[in-house]
Amino acid sequence: MNMASQSLIVGGHTAKKPLLLALLGGFFALTLMLSAFGLTGVAYAVPISGVGEFTVQFDKLNGSGFKMYGGVAEAGNAPQTPVFVNEMDKATIQGLRISKDFPALGIRVVIVASEPVSIDGLVQKATQINGNISFGSLTMKESYVGDTSNPVEKAAKEFTQGADSITIENGDIKTVYLFQQKVSLPGMKVYFEKLN
């Protein structure tokens, strides 16, 4: 019998144990990395994006050098999602909790900081912002952009908002991108929760 001349169809299956080990290994490596900068308390130029929407919650945020404008960002379920782009020169956050759900795995990854968090150069692209917000020296303005075919440029320049200071209490923000030039996370913990 000549096996080379006969076609053989083999059905595929997912090896669950190696897949689960690879996923858990990745989460373990992420935890080790976050713990490493948690021990030193400081991380520089930290972007979080490309994982889809995640939630940032906190008791209180005090910020300075605030700017907000419209934009478009890539999210986990859409390439062009309208967002609020928020920038702050400096921010201090009390009671920080960042979480991301992974429904396919049935888990939620949670990062918390038990002490006040200090951030320099914060950039955040949010799809929803909830909380009690107050501003110091708030300026809102609409500008003529002209005939531009780029909707992102139009959204970013047409309407802007700025303030010398911002305070948000009981913040709950859905975001698709988070960047800090420098962040200090004292008392940081990373853990997993089971989704209901």
N, C-alpha and C. Protein backbone atom coordinates (compact mmCIF):
# COMPACT_ATOMS: atom_id res chain seq x y z
N MET A 1 0.85 -1.17 0.00
CA MET A 1 0.00 0.00 0.00
C MET A 1 0.89 1.23 0.00
N ASN A 2 0.65 2.13 -0.93
CA ASN A 2 1.46 3.35 -1.06
C ASN A 2 0.72 4.50 -0.40
N MET A 3 1.23 4.96 0.74
CA MET A 3 0.57 6.03 1.50
C MET A 3 0.74 7.39 0.85
N ALA A 4 1.76 7.58 0.04
CA ALA A 4 2.03 8.88 -0.57
C ALA A 4 0.98 9.23 -1.60
N SER A 5 0.35 8.26 -2.22
CA SER A 5 -0.62 8.54 -3.27
C SER A 5 -2.04 8.70 -2.74
N GLN A 6 -2.26 8.41 -1.48
CA GLN A 6 -3.59 8.53 -0.92
C GLN A 6 -3.69 9.79 -0.07
N SER A 7 -4.81 10.48 -0.19
CA SER A 7 -5.00 11.66 0.65
C SER A 7 -5.57 11.23 1.98
N LEU A 8 -5.12 11.89 2.99
CA LEU A 8 -5.52 11.55 4.35
C LEU A 8 -6.04 12.82 5.01
N ILE A 9 -7.24 12.82 5.46
CA ILE A 9 -7.82 13.98 6.12
C ILE A 9 -7.81 13.72 7.62
N VAL A 10 -7.21 14.64 8.34
CA VAL A 10 -7.12 14.51 9.78
C VAL A 10 -7.91 15.66 10.40
N GLY A 11 -8.82 15.36 11.26
CA GLY A 11 -9.59 16.38 11.95
C GLY A 11 -8.77 17.01 13.06
N GLY A 12 -8.95 18.31 13.27
CA GLY A 12 -8.18 19.00 14.30
C GLY A 12 -8.96 19.15 15.58
N HIS A 13 -8.24 19.33 16.64
CA HIS A 13 -8.86 19.61 17.93
C HIS A 13 -7.91 20.50 18.73
N THR A 14 -8.43 21.17 19.68
CA THR A 14 -7.63 22.04 20.53
C THR A 14 -7.17 21.26 21.74
N ALA A 15 -5.89 21.26 21.94
CA ALA A 15 -5.33 20.61 23.13
C ALA A 15 -5.53 21.58 24.30
N LYS A 16 -6.52 21.31 25.11
CA LYS A 16 -6.93 22.24 26.16
C LYS A 16 -5.87 22.45 27.22
N LYS A 17 -5.21 21.38 27.61
CA LYS A 17 -4.22 21.50 28.68
C LYS A 17 -3.04 22.40 28.27
N PRO A 18 -2.40 22.20 27.09
CA PRO A 18 -1.31 23.10 26.70
C PRO A 18 -1.78 24.54 26.50
N LEU A 19 -3.01 24.73 25.95
CA LEU A 19 -3.54 26.07 25.77
C LEU A 19 -3.73 26.77 27.11
N LEU A 20 -4.32 26.07 28.06
CA LEU A 20 -4.54 26.64 29.38
C LEU A 20 -3.21 26.96 30.07
N LEU A 21 -2.23 26.06 29.93
CA LEU A 21 -0.91 26.31 30.52
C LEU A 21 -0.25 27.53 29.89
N ALA A 22 -0.38 27.70 28.57
CA ALA A 22 0.20 28.87 27.90
C ALA A 22 -0.47 30.15 28.36
N LEU A 23 -1.80 30.16 28.47
CA LEU A 23 -2.52 31.35 28.94
C LEU A 23 -2.15 31.69 30.38
N LEU A 24 -2.14 30.69 31.24
CA LEU A 24 -1.78 30.94 32.64
C LEU A 24 -0.33 31.39 32.76
N GLY A 25 0.55 30.82 31.92
CA GLY A 25 1.94 31.26 31.91
C GLY A 25 2.08 32.72 31.51
N GLY A 26 1.28 33.14 30.52
CA GLY A 26 1.28 34.55 30.10
C GLY A 26 0.80 35.47 31.21
N PHE A 27 -0.28 35.07 31.89
CA PHE A 27 -0.78 35.88 33.00
C PHE A 27 0.23 35.92 34.15
N PHE A 28 0.91 34.80 34.39
CA PHE A 28 1.94 34.76 35.43
C PHE A 28 3.09 35.71 35.08
N ALA A 29 3.51 35.71 33.81
CA ALA A 29 4.59 36.61 33.37
C ALA A 29 4.16 38.06 33.52
N LEU A 30 2.89 38.37 33.17
CA LEU A 30 2.37 39.73 33.34
C LEU A 30 2.37 40.12 34.81
N THR A 31 1.95 39.22 35.67
CA THR A 31 1.94 39.49 37.11
C THR A 31 3.34 39.75 37.62
N LEU A 32 4.32 38.94 37.17
CA LEU A 32 5.71 39.16 37.59
C LEU A 32 6.22 40.52 37.14
N MET A 33 5.88 40.90 35.89
CA MET A 33 6.33 42.19 35.39
C MET A 33 5.72 43.33 36.20
N LEU A 34 4.41 43.26 36.45
CA LEU A 34 3.75 44.30 37.23
C LEU A 34 4.27 44.33 38.66
N SER A 35 4.56 43.17 39.23
CA SER A 35 5.11 43.11 40.58
C SER A 35 6.51 43.71 40.63
N ALA A 36 7.29 43.52 39.57
CA ALA A 36 8.65 44.07 39.54
C ALA A 36 8.63 45.58 39.64
N PHE A 37 7.75 46.23 38.86
CA PHE A 37 7.72 47.68 39.01
C PHE A 37 6.91 48.10 40.23
N GLY A 38 6.11 47.17 40.78
CA GLY A 38 5.42 47.45 42.03
C GLY A 38 6.38 47.49 43.21
N LEU A 39 7.44 46.66 43.17
CA LEU A 39 8.44 46.65 44.24
C LEU A 39 9.23 47.94 44.26
N THR A 40 9.56 48.46 43.07
CA THR A 40 10.30 49.72 43.02
C THR A 40 9.36 50.89 43.21
N GLY A 41 8.07 50.68 42.92
CA GLY A 41 7.08 51.71 43.13
C GLY A 41 6.94 52.69 41.98
N VAL A 42 7.80 52.60 40.95
CA VAL A 42 7.77 53.56 39.86
C VAL A 42 7.92 52.84 38.54
N ALA A 43 7.14 53.25 37.55
CA ALA A 43 7.30 52.77 36.18
C ALA A 43 7.30 53.98 35.26
N TYR A 44 8.06 53.90 34.18
CA TYR A 44 8.14 54.99 33.22
C TYR A 44 7.52 54.58 31.90
N ALA A 45 6.82 55.53 31.25
CA ALA A 45 6.24 55.33 29.92
C ALA A 45 5.47 54.02 29.83
N VAL A 46 4.35 53.97 30.51
CA VAL A 46 3.55 52.74 30.57
C VAL A 46 2.27 52.90 29.75
N PRO A 47 2.20 52.27 28.55
CA PRO A 47 0.95 52.30 27.80
C PRO A 47 0.15 51.03 28.03
N ILE A 48 -1.15 51.16 28.08
CA ILE A 48 -2.03 49.99 28.12
C ILE A 48 -3.05 50.21 27.01
N SER A 49 -2.98 49.38 25.98
CA SER A 49 -3.94 49.47 24.89
C SER A 49 -3.94 48.13 24.15
N GLY A 50 -4.89 48.01 23.21
CA GLY A 50 -4.94 46.80 22.41
C GLY A 50 -5.57 45.61 23.10
N VAL A 51 -6.10 45.78 24.31
CA VAL A 51 -6.74 44.67 25.03
C VAL A 51 -8.24 44.84 25.08
N GLY A 52 -8.77 45.82 24.34
CA GLY A 52 -10.19 46.09 24.40
C GLY A 52 -10.50 47.01 25.58
N GLU A 53 -11.78 47.24 25.80
CA GLU A 53 -12.18 48.17 26.85
C GLU A 53 -11.91 47.61 28.24
N PHE A 54 -11.40 48.45 29.13
CA PHE A 54 -11.22 48.08 30.52
C PHE A 54 -11.75 49.20 31.40
N THR A 55 -11.85 48.94 32.69
CA THR A 55 -12.48 49.88 33.61
C THR A 55 -11.46 50.43 34.60
N VAL A 56 -11.50 51.76 34.79
CA VAL A 56 -10.67 52.43 35.78
C VAL A 56 -11.63 53.05 36.80
N GLN A 57 -11.51 52.64 38.06
CA GLN A 57 -12.35 53.18 39.13
C GLN A 57 -11.47 53.75 40.23
N PHE A 58 -11.96 54.76 40.91
CA PHE A 58 -11.19 55.36 42.00
C PHE A 58 -12.12 56.16 42.91
N ASP A 59 -11.62 56.41 44.13
CA ASP A 59 -12.38 57.22 45.08
C ASP A 59 -12.26 58.70 44.75
N LYS A 60 -11.00 59.14 44.45
CA LYS A 60 -10.79 60.56 44.18
C LYS A 60 -9.56 60.75 43.30
N LEU A 61 -9.67 61.66 42.33
CA LEU A 61 -8.56 62.06 41.48
C LEU A 61 -8.40 63.56 41.55
N ASN A 62 -7.19 64.03 41.82
CA ASN A 62 -6.86 65.44 41.74
C ASN A 62 -5.82 65.61 40.63
N GLY A 63 -6.13 66.45 39.64
CA GLY A 63 -5.22 66.62 38.52
C GLY A 63 -4.98 68.07 38.19
N SER A 64 -3.89 68.32 37.45
CA SER A 64 -3.58 69.67 36.98
C SER A 64 -3.19 69.61 35.51
N GLY A 65 -3.36 70.75 34.82
CA GLY A 65 -3.05 70.81 33.40
C GLY A 65 -3.95 69.92 32.58
N PHE A 66 -5.27 70.01 32.80
CA PHE A 66 -6.24 69.13 32.15
C PHE A 66 -6.62 69.65 30.77
N LYS A 67 -6.69 68.74 29.79
CA LYS A 67 -7.19 69.02 28.45
C LYS A 67 -8.07 67.85 28.01
N MET A 68 -9.16 68.16 27.30
CA MET A 68 -10.02 67.12 26.76
C MET A 68 -10.44 67.51 25.34
N TYR A 69 -10.40 66.53 24.45
CA TYR A 69 -10.85 66.74 23.08
C TYR A 69 -11.34 65.41 22.53
N GLY A 70 -12.03 65.46 21.42
CA GLY A 70 -12.57 64.25 20.81
C GLY A 70 -11.55 63.53 19.97
N GLY A 71 -11.80 62.28 19.72
CA GLY A 71 -10.91 61.50 18.89
C GLY A 71 -11.54 60.18 18.52
N VAL A 72 -10.77 59.35 17.83
CA VAL A 72 -11.19 58.02 17.44
C VAL A 72 -10.06 57.07 17.82
N ALA A 73 -10.40 55.91 18.38
CA ALA A 73 -9.38 54.95 18.78
C ALA A 73 -9.84 53.55 18.40
N GLU A 74 -8.88 52.65 18.34
CA GLU A 74 -9.17 51.25 18.08
C GLU A 74 -9.57 50.60 19.39
N ALA A 75 -10.66 49.88 19.38
CA ALA A 75 -11.12 49.15 20.56
C ALA A 75 -11.14 47.66 20.23
N GLY A 76 -11.39 46.84 21.24
CA GLY A 76 -11.39 45.39 21.05
C GLY A 76 -12.42 44.90 20.07
N ASN A 77 -13.55 45.63 19.92
CA ASN A 77 -14.61 45.15 19.04
C ASN A 77 -14.85 46.05 17.83
N ALA A 78 -14.06 47.13 17.66
CA ALA A 78 -14.25 48.02 16.53
C ALA A 78 -12.96 48.78 16.22
N PRO A 79 -12.64 48.97 14.92
CA PRO A 79 -11.41 49.68 14.58
C PRO A 79 -11.52 51.19 14.77
N GLN A 80 -12.72 51.74 14.72
CA GLN A 80 -12.93 53.19 14.83
C GLN A 80 -14.00 53.48 15.88
N THR A 81 -13.58 53.69 17.12
CA THR A 81 -14.51 53.96 18.22
C THR A 81 -14.36 55.42 18.65
N PRO A 82 -15.46 56.20 18.72
CA PRO A 82 -15.35 57.58 19.22
C PRO A 82 -14.92 57.58 20.69
N VAL A 83 -14.00 58.47 21.05
CA VAL A 83 -13.49 58.54 22.41
C VAL A 83 -13.33 59.98 22.86
N PHE A 84 -13.26 60.17 24.18
CA PHE A 84 -12.83 61.42 24.79
C PHE A 84 -11.35 61.25 25.10
N VAL A 85 -10.51 62.09 24.57
CA VAL A 85 -9.08 62.03 24.90
C VAL A 85 -8.86 63.00 26.05
N ASN A 86 -8.40 62.48 27.19
CA ASN A 86 -8.13 63.29 28.38
C ASN A 86 -6.63 63.31 28.62
N GLU A 87 -6.08 64.49 28.82
CA GLU A 87 -4.67 64.63 29.15
C GLU A 87 -4.54 65.41 30.45
N MET A 88 -3.58 65.01 31.29
CA MET A 88 -3.27 65.73 32.52
C MET A 88 -1.76 65.78 32.69
N ASP A 89 -1.26 66.93 33.10
CA ASP A 89 0.18 67.04 33.39
C ASP A 89 0.54 66.20 34.60
N LYS A 90 -0.27 66.32 35.66
CA LYS A 90 -0.02 65.57 36.90
C LYS A 90 -1.37 65.15 37.49
N ALA A 91 -1.36 63.98 38.15
CA ALA A 91 -2.58 63.49 38.80
C ALA A 91 -2.20 62.67 40.02
N THR A 92 -3.05 62.77 41.05
CA THR A 92 -2.94 61.94 42.25
C THR A 92 -4.28 61.23 42.41
N ILE A 93 -4.23 59.90 42.55
CA ILE A 93 -5.45 59.10 42.61
C ILE A 93 -5.48 58.31 43.91
N GLN A 94 -6.62 58.36 44.60
CA GLN A 94 -6.82 57.58 45.83
C GLN A 94 -7.83 56.48 45.54
N GLY A 95 -7.53 55.26 46.02
CA GLY A 95 -8.44 54.12 45.85
C GLY A 95 -8.53 53.63 44.42
N LEU A 96 -7.40 53.53 43.73
CA LEU A 96 -7.38 53.12 42.32
C LEU A 96 -7.66 51.63 42.15
N ARG A 97 -8.50 51.30 41.15
CA ARG A 97 -8.80 49.92 40.78
C ARG A 97 -8.95 49.87 39.27
N ILE A 98 -8.09 49.10 38.60
CA ILE A 98 -8.16 48.90 37.15
C ILE A 98 -8.54 47.44 36.92
N SER A 99 -9.55 47.20 36.08
CA SER A 99 -9.98 45.82 35.84
C SER A 99 -10.28 45.59 34.37
N LYS A 100 -10.05 44.35 33.96
CA LYS A 100 -10.32 43.93 32.58
C LYS A 100 -10.95 42.55 32.62
N ASP A 101 -12.12 42.41 31.98
CA ASP A 101 -12.81 41.13 31.91
C ASP A 101 -12.36 40.33 30.70
N PHE A 102 -12.17 39.03 30.91
CA PHE A 102 -11.89 38.08 29.83
C PHE A 102 -12.98 37.01 29.88
N PRO A 103 -14.16 37.29 29.25
CA PRO A 103 -15.29 36.37 29.34
C PRO A 103 -14.98 34.96 28.82
N ALA A 104 -14.15 34.85 27.80
CA ALA A 104 -13.83 33.51 27.25
C ALA A 104 -13.12 32.64 28.28
N LEU A 105 -12.36 33.27 29.18
CA LEU A 105 -11.66 32.53 30.22
C LEU A 105 -12.42 32.51 31.54
N GLY A 106 -13.48 33.35 31.63
CA GLY A 106 -14.27 33.41 32.86
C GLY A 106 -13.56 34.11 34.00
N ILE A 107 -12.61 35.02 33.68
CA ILE A 107 -11.88 35.72 34.74
C ILE A 107 -11.83 37.22 34.51
N ARG A 108 -11.54 37.93 35.56
CA ARG A 108 -11.30 39.37 35.54
C ARG A 108 -9.93 39.60 36.17
N VAL A 109 -9.06 40.35 35.48
CA VAL A 109 -7.76 40.73 36.03
C VAL A 109 -7.95 42.08 36.72
N VAL A 110 -7.47 42.19 37.96
CA VAL A 110 -7.66 43.41 38.75
C VAL A 110 -6.31 43.89 39.26
N ILE A 111 -6.08 45.21 39.11
CA ILE A 111 -4.90 45.86 39.67
C ILE A 111 -5.41 46.93 40.63
N VAL A 112 -4.97 46.90 41.88
CA VAL A 112 -5.38 47.90 42.87
C VAL A 112 -4.14 48.49 43.53
N ALA A 113 -4.29 49.71 44.03
CA ALA A 113 -3.24 50.36 44.81
C ALA A 113 -3.87 50.84 46.10
N SER A 114 -3.33 50.41 47.23
CA SER A 114 -3.91 50.74 48.53
C SER A 114 -3.52 52.13 49.01
N GLU A 115 -2.48 52.71 48.41
CA GLU A 115 -2.02 54.05 48.79
C GLU A 115 -2.20 54.99 47.60
N PRO A 116 -2.14 56.32 47.82
CA PRO A 116 -2.31 57.26 46.70
C PRO A 116 -1.29 57.03 45.58
N VAL A 117 -1.79 57.06 44.35
CA VAL A 117 -1.00 56.86 43.14
C VAL A 117 -0.64 58.22 42.56
N SER A 118 0.63 58.39 42.17
CA SER A 118 1.09 59.63 41.53
C SER A 118 1.39 59.35 40.07
N ILE A 119 0.88 60.23 39.18
CA ILE A 119 1.07 60.06 37.74
C ILE A 119 1.55 61.37 37.13
N ASP A 120 2.55 61.29 36.26
CA ASP A 120 2.98 62.42 35.43
C ASP A 120 2.69 62.08 33.98
N GLY A 121 2.15 63.02 33.22
CA GLY A 121 1.92 62.83 31.80
C GLY A 121 0.88 61.78 31.47
N LEU A 122 -0.34 61.95 32.00
CA LEU A 122 -1.42 61.00 31.78
C LEU A 122 -2.16 61.30 30.48
N VAL A 123 -2.36 60.26 29.66
CA VAL A 123 -3.19 60.35 28.45
C VAL A 123 -4.14 59.16 28.50
N GLN A 124 -5.43 59.44 28.35
CA GLN A 124 -6.44 58.40 28.44
C GLN A 124 -7.47 58.61 27.35
N LYS A 125 -7.88 57.52 26.69
CA LYS A 125 -8.93 57.58 25.67
C LYS A 125 -10.12 56.80 26.22
N ALA A 126 -11.16 57.53 26.59
CA ALA A 126 -12.30 56.95 27.28
C ALA A 126 -13.54 56.93 26.40
N THR A 127 -14.35 55.87 26.55
CA THR A 127 -15.63 55.78 25.86
C THR A 127 -16.77 56.23 26.76
N GLN A 128 -16.54 56.23 28.08
CA GLN A 128 -17.56 56.66 29.05
C GLN A 128 -16.87 57.16 30.31
N ILE A 129 -17.35 58.30 30.83
CA ILE A 129 -16.80 58.87 32.06
C ILE A 129 -17.95 59.15 33.02
N ASN A 130 -17.89 58.58 34.23
CA ASN A 130 -18.89 58.82 35.26
C ASN A 130 -18.18 59.29 36.53
N GLY A 131 -18.81 60.19 37.26
CA GLY A 131 -18.26 60.65 38.52
C GLY A 131 -18.73 62.05 38.84
N ASN A 132 -18.35 62.54 40.01
CA ASN A 132 -18.64 63.91 40.42
C ASN A 132 -17.40 64.74 40.10
N ILE A 133 -17.53 65.67 39.12
CA ILE A 133 -16.37 66.37 38.59
C ILE A 133 -16.48 67.86 38.87
N SER A 134 -15.35 68.45 39.30
CA SER A 134 -15.27 69.90 39.44
C SER A 134 -13.97 70.38 38.79
N PHE A 135 -14.03 71.58 38.19
CA PHE A 135 -12.91 72.15 37.47
C PHE A 135 -12.49 73.48 38.09
N GLY A 136 -11.22 73.83 37.93
CA GLY A 136 -10.72 75.16 38.28
C GLY A 136 -10.29 75.87 37.02
N SER A 137 -10.85 77.05 36.75
CA SER A 137 -10.54 77.84 35.55
C SER A 137 -10.83 77.05 34.27
N LEU A 138 -12.08 76.61 34.13
CA LEU A 138 -12.50 75.82 32.98
C LEU A 138 -12.65 76.69 31.74
N THR A 139 -12.11 76.23 30.62
CA THR A 139 -12.26 76.89 29.33
C THR A 139 -12.79 75.87 28.34
N MET A 140 -13.88 76.24 27.65
CA MET A 140 -14.42 75.40 26.58
C MET A 140 -14.42 76.26 25.33
N LYS A 141 -13.93 75.68 24.22
CA LYS A 141 -13.95 76.47 23.00
C LYS A 141 -14.14 75.60 21.78
N GLU A 142 -14.76 76.22 20.78
CA GLU A 142 -14.97 75.58 19.51
C GLU A 142 -14.16 76.36 18.48
N SER A 143 -13.43 75.65 17.66
CA SER A 143 -12.56 76.30 16.68
C SER A 143 -12.95 75.86 15.27
N TYR A 144 -12.74 76.76 14.32
CA TYR A 144 -12.98 76.43 12.92
C TYR A 144 -11.77 75.66 12.40
N VAL A 145 -12.01 74.45 11.93
CA VAL A 145 -10.93 73.60 11.47
C VAL A 145 -10.70 73.77 9.97
N GLY A 146 -11.73 74.12 9.24
CA GLY A 146 -11.60 74.26 7.79
C GLY A 146 -12.04 73.00 7.09
N ASP A 147 -11.77 72.95 5.82
CA ASP A 147 -12.17 71.80 5.01
C ASP A 147 -11.14 70.69 5.15
N THR A 148 -11.37 69.84 6.10
CA THR A 148 -10.49 68.69 6.29
C THR A 148 -11.27 67.41 6.07
N SER A 149 -10.65 66.48 5.40
CA SER A 149 -11.32 65.21 5.15
C SER A 149 -11.00 64.19 6.25
N ASN A 150 -10.11 64.57 7.17
CA ASN A 150 -9.72 63.67 8.25
C ASN A 150 -10.65 63.88 9.45
N PRO A 151 -11.57 62.94 9.73
CA PRO A 151 -12.51 63.13 10.83
C PRO A 151 -11.84 63.15 12.21
N VAL A 152 -10.70 62.45 12.35
CA VAL A 152 -9.98 62.44 13.63
C VAL A 152 -9.41 63.82 13.92
N GLU A 153 -8.79 64.44 12.91
CA GLU A 153 -8.24 65.79 13.07
C GLU A 153 -9.35 66.78 13.39
N LYS A 154 -10.48 66.66 12.69
CA LYS A 154 -11.62 67.55 12.93
C LYS A 154 -12.13 67.40 14.37
N ALA A 155 -12.30 66.15 14.83
CA ALA A 155 -12.80 65.90 16.19
C ALA A 155 -11.82 66.40 17.24
N ALA A 156 -10.53 66.29 16.97
CA ALA A 156 -9.52 66.67 17.96
C ALA A 156 -9.34 68.18 18.05
N LYS A 157 -9.60 68.92 16.97
CA LYS A 157 -9.33 70.36 16.97
C LYS A 157 -10.57 71.23 17.04
N GLU A 158 -11.72 70.69 16.65
CA GLU A 158 -12.93 71.52 16.56
C GLU A 158 -13.44 71.94 17.93
N PHE A 159 -13.50 71.02 18.87
CA PHE A 159 -13.99 71.34 20.22
C PHE A 159 -12.95 70.90 21.23
N THR A 160 -12.53 71.81 22.07
CA THR A 160 -11.56 71.49 23.13
C THR A 160 -12.05 72.03 24.46
N GLN A 161 -11.57 71.41 25.51
CA GLN A 161 -11.91 71.83 26.87
C GLN A 161 -10.62 71.76 27.68
N GLY A 162 -10.40 72.74 28.54
CA GLY A 162 -9.21 72.73 29.36
C GLY A 162 -9.48 73.35 30.72
N ALA A 163 -8.64 73.00 31.70
CA ALA A 163 -8.80 73.54 33.05
C ALA A 163 -7.44 73.49 33.75
N ASP A 164 -7.23 74.46 34.63
CA ASP A 164 -6.00 74.46 35.43
C ASP A 164 -5.98 73.26 36.36
N SER A 165 -7.17 72.93 36.92
CA SER A 165 -7.25 71.79 37.84
C SER A 165 -8.57 71.04 37.63
N ILE A 166 -8.55 69.77 38.01
CA ILE A 166 -9.75 68.93 37.92
C ILE A 166 -9.77 68.01 39.13
N THR A 167 -10.98 67.81 39.68
CA THR A 167 -11.19 66.85 40.77
C THR A 167 -12.36 65.96 40.37
N ILE A 168 -12.14 64.65 40.44
CA ILE A 168 -13.20 63.69 40.15
C ILE A 168 -13.35 62.79 41.37
N GLU A 169 -14.56 62.70 41.90
CA GLU A 169 -14.85 61.80 43.02
C GLU A 169 -15.75 60.67 42.53
N ASN A 170 -15.55 59.48 43.10
CA ASN A 170 -16.32 58.28 42.71
C ASN A 170 -16.25 58.05 41.21
N GLY A 171 -15.04 58.07 40.66
CA GLY A 171 -14.83 57.92 39.23
C GLY A 171 -15.01 56.50 38.75
N ASP A 172 -15.64 56.37 37.60
CA ASP A 172 -15.84 55.08 36.93
C ASP A 172 -15.70 55.36 35.44
N ILE A 173 -14.58 54.95 34.86
CA ILE A 173 -14.24 55.31 33.48
C ILE A 173 -14.03 54.04 32.66
N LYS A 174 -14.70 53.97 31.52
CA LYS A 174 -14.48 52.91 30.55
C LYS A 174 -13.48 53.46 29.54
N THR A 175 -12.36 52.77 29.37
CA THR A 175 -11.29 53.31 28.53
C THR A 175 -10.69 52.22 27.65
N VAL A 176 -10.15 52.65 26.50
CA VAL A 176 -9.51 51.71 25.57
C VAL A 176 -8.01 51.96 25.46
N TYR A 177 -7.52 53.05 26.08
CA TYR A 177 -6.09 53.38 26.01
C TYR A 177 -5.71 54.18 27.24
N LEU A 178 -4.57 53.84 27.81
CA LEU A 178 -4.07 54.53 29.00
C LEU A 178 -2.56 54.63 28.89
N PHE A 179 -2.01 55.84 29.04
CA PHE A 179 -0.56 56.05 28.97
C PHE A 179 -0.15 56.97 30.10
N GLN A 180 0.95 56.63 30.77
CA GLN A 180 1.54 57.50 31.79
C GLN A 180 3.03 57.61 31.51
N GLN A 181 3.55 58.84 31.53
CA GLN A 181 5.00 59.00 31.39
C GLN A 181 5.71 58.44 32.61
N LYS A 182 5.12 58.65 33.78
CA LYS A 182 5.69 58.14 35.02
C LYS A 182 4.54 57.86 35.98
N VAL A 183 4.58 56.68 36.61
CA VAL A 183 3.52 56.32 37.56
C VAL A 183 4.14 55.65 38.77
N SER A 184 3.65 56.01 39.94
CA SER A 184 4.07 55.38 41.20
C SER A 184 2.86 54.69 41.80
N LEU A 185 2.97 53.36 42.02
CA LEU A 185 1.86 52.55 42.51
C LEU A 185 2.20 51.91 43.85
N PRO A 186 2.24 52.68 44.94
CA PRO A 186 2.55 52.07 46.23
C PRO A 186 1.41 51.17 46.71
N GLY A 187 1.77 50.05 47.29
CA GLY A 187 0.77 49.10 47.79
C GLY A 187 0.00 48.42 46.68
N MET A 188 0.63 48.23 45.51
CA MET A 188 -0.04 47.61 44.37
C MET A 188 -0.24 46.11 44.56
N LYS A 189 -1.41 45.63 44.14
CA LYS A 189 -1.71 44.20 44.12
C LYS A 189 -2.35 43.85 42.80
N VAL A 190 -2.01 42.68 42.26
CA VAL A 190 -2.63 42.15 41.05
C VAL A 190 -3.26 40.82 41.41
N TYR A 191 -4.53 40.64 41.06
CA TYR A 191 -5.19 39.37 41.35
C TYR A 191 -6.27 39.10 40.32
N PHE A 192 -6.82 37.87 40.37
CA PHE A 192 -7.86 37.44 39.45
C PHE A 192 -9.16 37.22 40.21
N GLU A 193 -10.26 37.59 39.56
CA GLU A 193 -11.60 37.30 40.09
C GLU A 193 -12.34 36.42 39.10
N LYS A 194 -13.19 35.57 39.60
CA LYS A 194 -14.01 34.72 38.73
C LYS A 194 -15.23 35.54 38.30
N LEU A 195 -15.53 35.52 37.00
CA LEU A 195 -16.72 36.21 36.51
C LEU A 195 -17.97 35.40 36.82
N ASN A 196 -19.07 36.08 37.11
CA ASN A 196 -20.32 35.39 37.42
C ASN A 196 -20.99 34.92 36.16
